[in-house]
Amino acid sequence: MASNPDSSVHFSILKHYGILSTESSNWTKELNLVSWNNREAKYDLRSWAPDKKKMGRGITLNDDECATLRSLLNSKFPNELPHPETSTSPTAAAAPSI
């Protein structure tokens, strides 16, 4: 962020997609669609304070970059993975036997 006190960053969270994790300080790592300084909105992955007035460093992705990331993740994880909190054992994700 700029060191000039008259300088500020303006943002608007246009769409909230989800929370990836919550830290002990209650900051949340989130995926959102954010417009920074009234520019075109981008996919944004970063940590946010509970009141959304402070944020950590993060990354922004345009549509093409987000599509490429999705493709890379789909290649790495071709099958839907169970959420760690719902899986109780390695066999929990196995298809039920008939």
C-alpha atoms as a PDB file:
ATOM      1  CA  MET A   1       0.000   0.000   0.000  1.00  0.00           C
ATOM      2  CA  ALA A   2       1.184   3.503  -0.686  1.00  0.00           C
ATOM      3  CA  SER A   3       2.918   5.353   2.126  1.00  0.00           C
ATOM      4  CA  ASN A   4       1.223   8.652   1.278  1.00  0.00           C
ATOM      5  CA  PRO A   5      -1.472   9.177   3.959  1.00  0.00           C
ATOM      6  CA  ASP A   6      -3.661  10.999   1.402  1.00  0.00           C
ATOM      7  CA  SER A   7      -3.500   7.952  -0.840  1.00  0.00           C
ATOM      8  CA  SER A   8      -5.992   5.176  -0.259  1.00  0.00           C
ATOM      9  CA  VAL A   9      -7.082   1.997  -1.926  1.00  0.00           C
ATOM     10  CA  HIS A  10     -10.766   1.697  -2.693  1.00  0.00           C
ATOM     11  CA  PHE A  11     -12.345  -1.704  -3.096  1.00  0.00           C
ATOM     12  CA  SER A  12     -15.745  -3.237  -3.497  1.00  0.00           C
ATOM     13  CA  ILE A  13     -16.473  -6.922  -2.953  1.00  0.00           C
ATOM     14  CA  LEU A  14     -18.976  -7.663  -5.717  1.00  0.00           C
ATOM     15  CA  LYS A  15     -19.378 -11.377  -5.075  1.00  0.00           C
ATOM     16  CA  HIS A  16     -18.260 -13.664  -2.256  1.00  0.00           C
ATOM     17  CA  TYR A  17     -17.492 -17.202  -3.438  1.00  0.00           C
ATOM     18  CA  GLY A  18     -16.342 -18.763  -0.190  1.00  0.00           C
ATOM     19  CA  ILE A  19     -13.977 -19.052   2.739  1.00  0.00           C
ATOM     20  CA  LEU A  20     -10.971 -21.326   2.377  1.00  0.00           C
ATOM     21  CA  SER A  21      -9.860 -21.125   6.006  1.00  0.00           C
ATOM     22  CA  THR A  22     -10.231 -19.171   9.228  1.00  0.00           C
ATOM     23  CA  GLU A  23      -7.220 -18.176  11.303  1.00  0.00           C
ATOM     24  CA  SER A  24      -7.145 -18.079  15.111  1.00  0.00           C
ATOM     25  CA  SER A  25      -7.439 -14.278  14.845  1.00  0.00           C
ATOM     26  CA  ASN A  26     -10.739 -14.783  12.952  1.00  0.00           C
ATOM     27  CA  TRP A  27      -9.224 -13.449   9.730  1.00  0.00           C
ATOM     28  CA  THR A  28     -10.550 -15.473   6.816  1.00  0.00           C
ATOM     29  CA  LYS A  29      -8.842 -16.507   3.593  1.00  0.00           C
ATOM     30  CA  GLU A  30     -11.471 -15.918   0.926  1.00  0.00           C
ATOM     31  CA  LEU A  31     -12.167 -16.078  -2.774  1.00  0.00           C
ATOM     32  CA  ASN A  32     -14.119 -13.016  -3.909  1.00  0.00           C
ATOM     33  CA  LEU A  33     -14.808 -10.972  -7.009  1.00  0.00           C
ATOM     34  CA  VAL A  34     -13.378  -7.543  -6.161  1.00  0.00           C
ATOM     35  CA  SER A  35     -13.180  -4.215  -7.943  1.00  0.00           C
ATOM     36  CA  TRP A  36     -10.033  -2.330  -6.885  1.00  0.00           C
ATOM     37  CA  ASN A  37      -9.978   1.450  -7.349  1.00  0.00           C
ATOM     38  CA  ASN A  38     -13.134   1.351  -9.488  1.00  0.00           C
ATOM     39  CA  ARG A  39     -11.453  -0.869 -12.078  1.00  0.00           C
ATOM     40  CA  GLU A  40     -12.784  -4.015 -13.712  1.00  0.00           C
ATOM     41  CA  ALA A  41     -13.492  -6.678 -11.100  1.00  0.00           C
ATOM     42  CA  LYS A  42     -11.050  -9.570 -10.708  1.00  0.00           C
ATOM     43  CA  TYR A  43     -11.058 -12.823  -8.805  1.00  0.00           C
ATOM     44  CA  ASP A  44      -9.274 -12.138  -5.544  1.00  0.00           C
ATOM     45  CA  LEU A  45      -7.721 -14.578  -3.085  1.00  0.00           C
ATOM     46  CA  ARG A  46      -6.508 -13.071   0.213  1.00  0.00           C
ATOM     47  CA  SER A  47      -7.018 -12.881   3.974  1.00  0.00           C
ATOM     48  CA  TRP A  48      -9.574 -10.440   5.354  1.00  0.00           C
ATOM     49  CA  ALA A  49     -10.205  -9.061   8.825  1.00  0.00           C
ATOM     50  CA  PRO A  50     -13.638  -9.914  10.229  1.00  0.00           C
ATOM     51  CA  ASP A  51     -14.910  -6.372   9.555  1.00  0.00           C
ATOM     52  CA  LYS A  52     -13.538  -6.395   5.964  1.00  0.00           C
ATOM     53  CA  LYS A  53     -11.729  -3.077   6.612  1.00  0.00           C
ATOM     54  CA  LYS A  54      -8.252  -4.642   6.592  1.00  0.00           C
ATOM     55  CA  MET A  55      -6.785  -7.216   4.291  1.00  0.00           C
ATOM     56  CA  GLY A  56      -3.572  -9.151   3.832  1.00  0.00           C
ATOM     57  CA  ARG A  57      -1.552  -9.537   0.698  1.00  0.00           C
ATOM     58  CA  GLY A  58      -3.200 -11.615  -1.922  1.00  0.00           C
ATOM     59  CA  ILE A  59      -3.460 -12.332  -5.603  1.00  0.00           C
ATOM     60  CA  THR A  60      -5.899 -11.180  -8.237  1.00  0.00           C
ATOM     61  CA  LEU A  61      -6.772 -13.163 -11.346  1.00  0.00           C
ATOM     62  CA  ASN A  62      -8.533 -12.070 -14.510  1.00  0.00           C
ATOM     63  CA  ASP A  63     -11.016 -14.414 -16.223  1.00  0.00           C
ATOM     64  CA  ASP A  64      -8.353 -16.157 -18.329  1.00  0.00           C
ATOM     65  CA  GLU A  65      -6.005 -16.664 -15.374  1.00  0.00           C
ATOM     66  CA  CYS A  66      -8.846 -18.008 -13.242  1.00  0.00           C
ATOM     67  CA  ALA A  67      -9.836 -20.450 -16.005  1.00  0.00           C
ATOM     68  CA  THR A  68      -6.206 -21.602 -16.288  1.00  0.00           C
ATOM     69  CA  LEU A  69      -5.983 -22.080 -12.515  1.00  0.00           C
ATOM     70  CA  ARG A  70      -9.193 -24.091 -12.585  1.00  0.00           C
ATOM     71  CA  SER A  71      -7.805 -26.270 -15.365  1.00  0.00           C
ATOM     72  CA  LEU A  72      -4.585 -26.839 -13.436  1.00  0.00           C
ATOM     73  CA  LEU A  73      -6.496 -27.768 -10.279  1.00  0.00           C
ATOM     74  CA  ASN A  74      -8.803 -30.084 -12.232  1.00  0.00           C
ATOM     75  CA  SER A  75      -5.715 -31.822 -13.656  1.00  0.00           C
ATOM     76  CA  LYS A  76      -4.133 -32.145 -10.214  1.00  0.00           C
ATOM     77  CA  PHE A  77      -7.377 -33.290  -8.558  1.00  0.00           C
ATOM     78  CA  PRO A  78      -9.389 -35.066 -11.287  1.00  0.00           C
ATOM     79  CA  ASN A  79     -11.916 -36.524  -8.843  1.00  0.00           C
ATOM     80  CA  GLU A  80     -13.923 -34.514  -6.370  1.00  0.00           C
ATOM     81  CA  LEU A  81     -12.148 -34.676  -3.045  1.00  0.00           C
ATOM     82  CA  PRO A  82     -14.051 -35.010   0.229  1.00  0.00           C
ATOM     83  CA  HIS A  83     -13.855 -32.011   2.513  1.00  0.00           C
ATOM     84  CA  PRO A  84     -11.279 -32.773   5.275  1.00  0.00           C
ATOM     85  CA  GLU A  85     -13.833 -32.098   8.032  1.00  0.00           C
ATOM     86  CA  THR A  86     -16.339 -34.620   6.653  1.00  0.00           C
ATOM     87  CA  SER A  87     -13.933 -37.429   5.872  1.00  0.00           C
ATOM     88  CA  THR A  88     -13.339 -39.809   8.774  1.00  0.00           C
ATOM     89  CA  SER A  89     -11.129 -42.335   7.029  1.00  0.00           C
ATOM     90  CA  PRO A  90      -9.307 -42.898   3.725  1.00  0.00           C
ATOM     91  CA  THR A  91     -12.145 -45.179   2.606  1.00  0.00           C
ATOM     92  CA  ALA A  92     -14.844 -42.589   3.303  1.00  0.00           C
ATOM     93  CA  ALA A  93     -14.580 -41.304  -0.261  1.00  0.00           C
ATOM     94  CA  ALA A  94     -14.909 -44.738  -1.821  1.00  0.00           C
ATOM     95  CA  ALA A  95     -18.062 -45.548  -3.756  1.00  0.00           C
ATOM     96  CA  PRO A  96     -20.565 -47.658  -1.829  1.00  0.00           C
ATOM     97  CA  SER A  97     -20.584 -51.336  -2.704  1.00  0.00           C
ATOM     98  CA  ILE A  98     -23.737 -52.804  -4.169  1.00  0.00           C
END
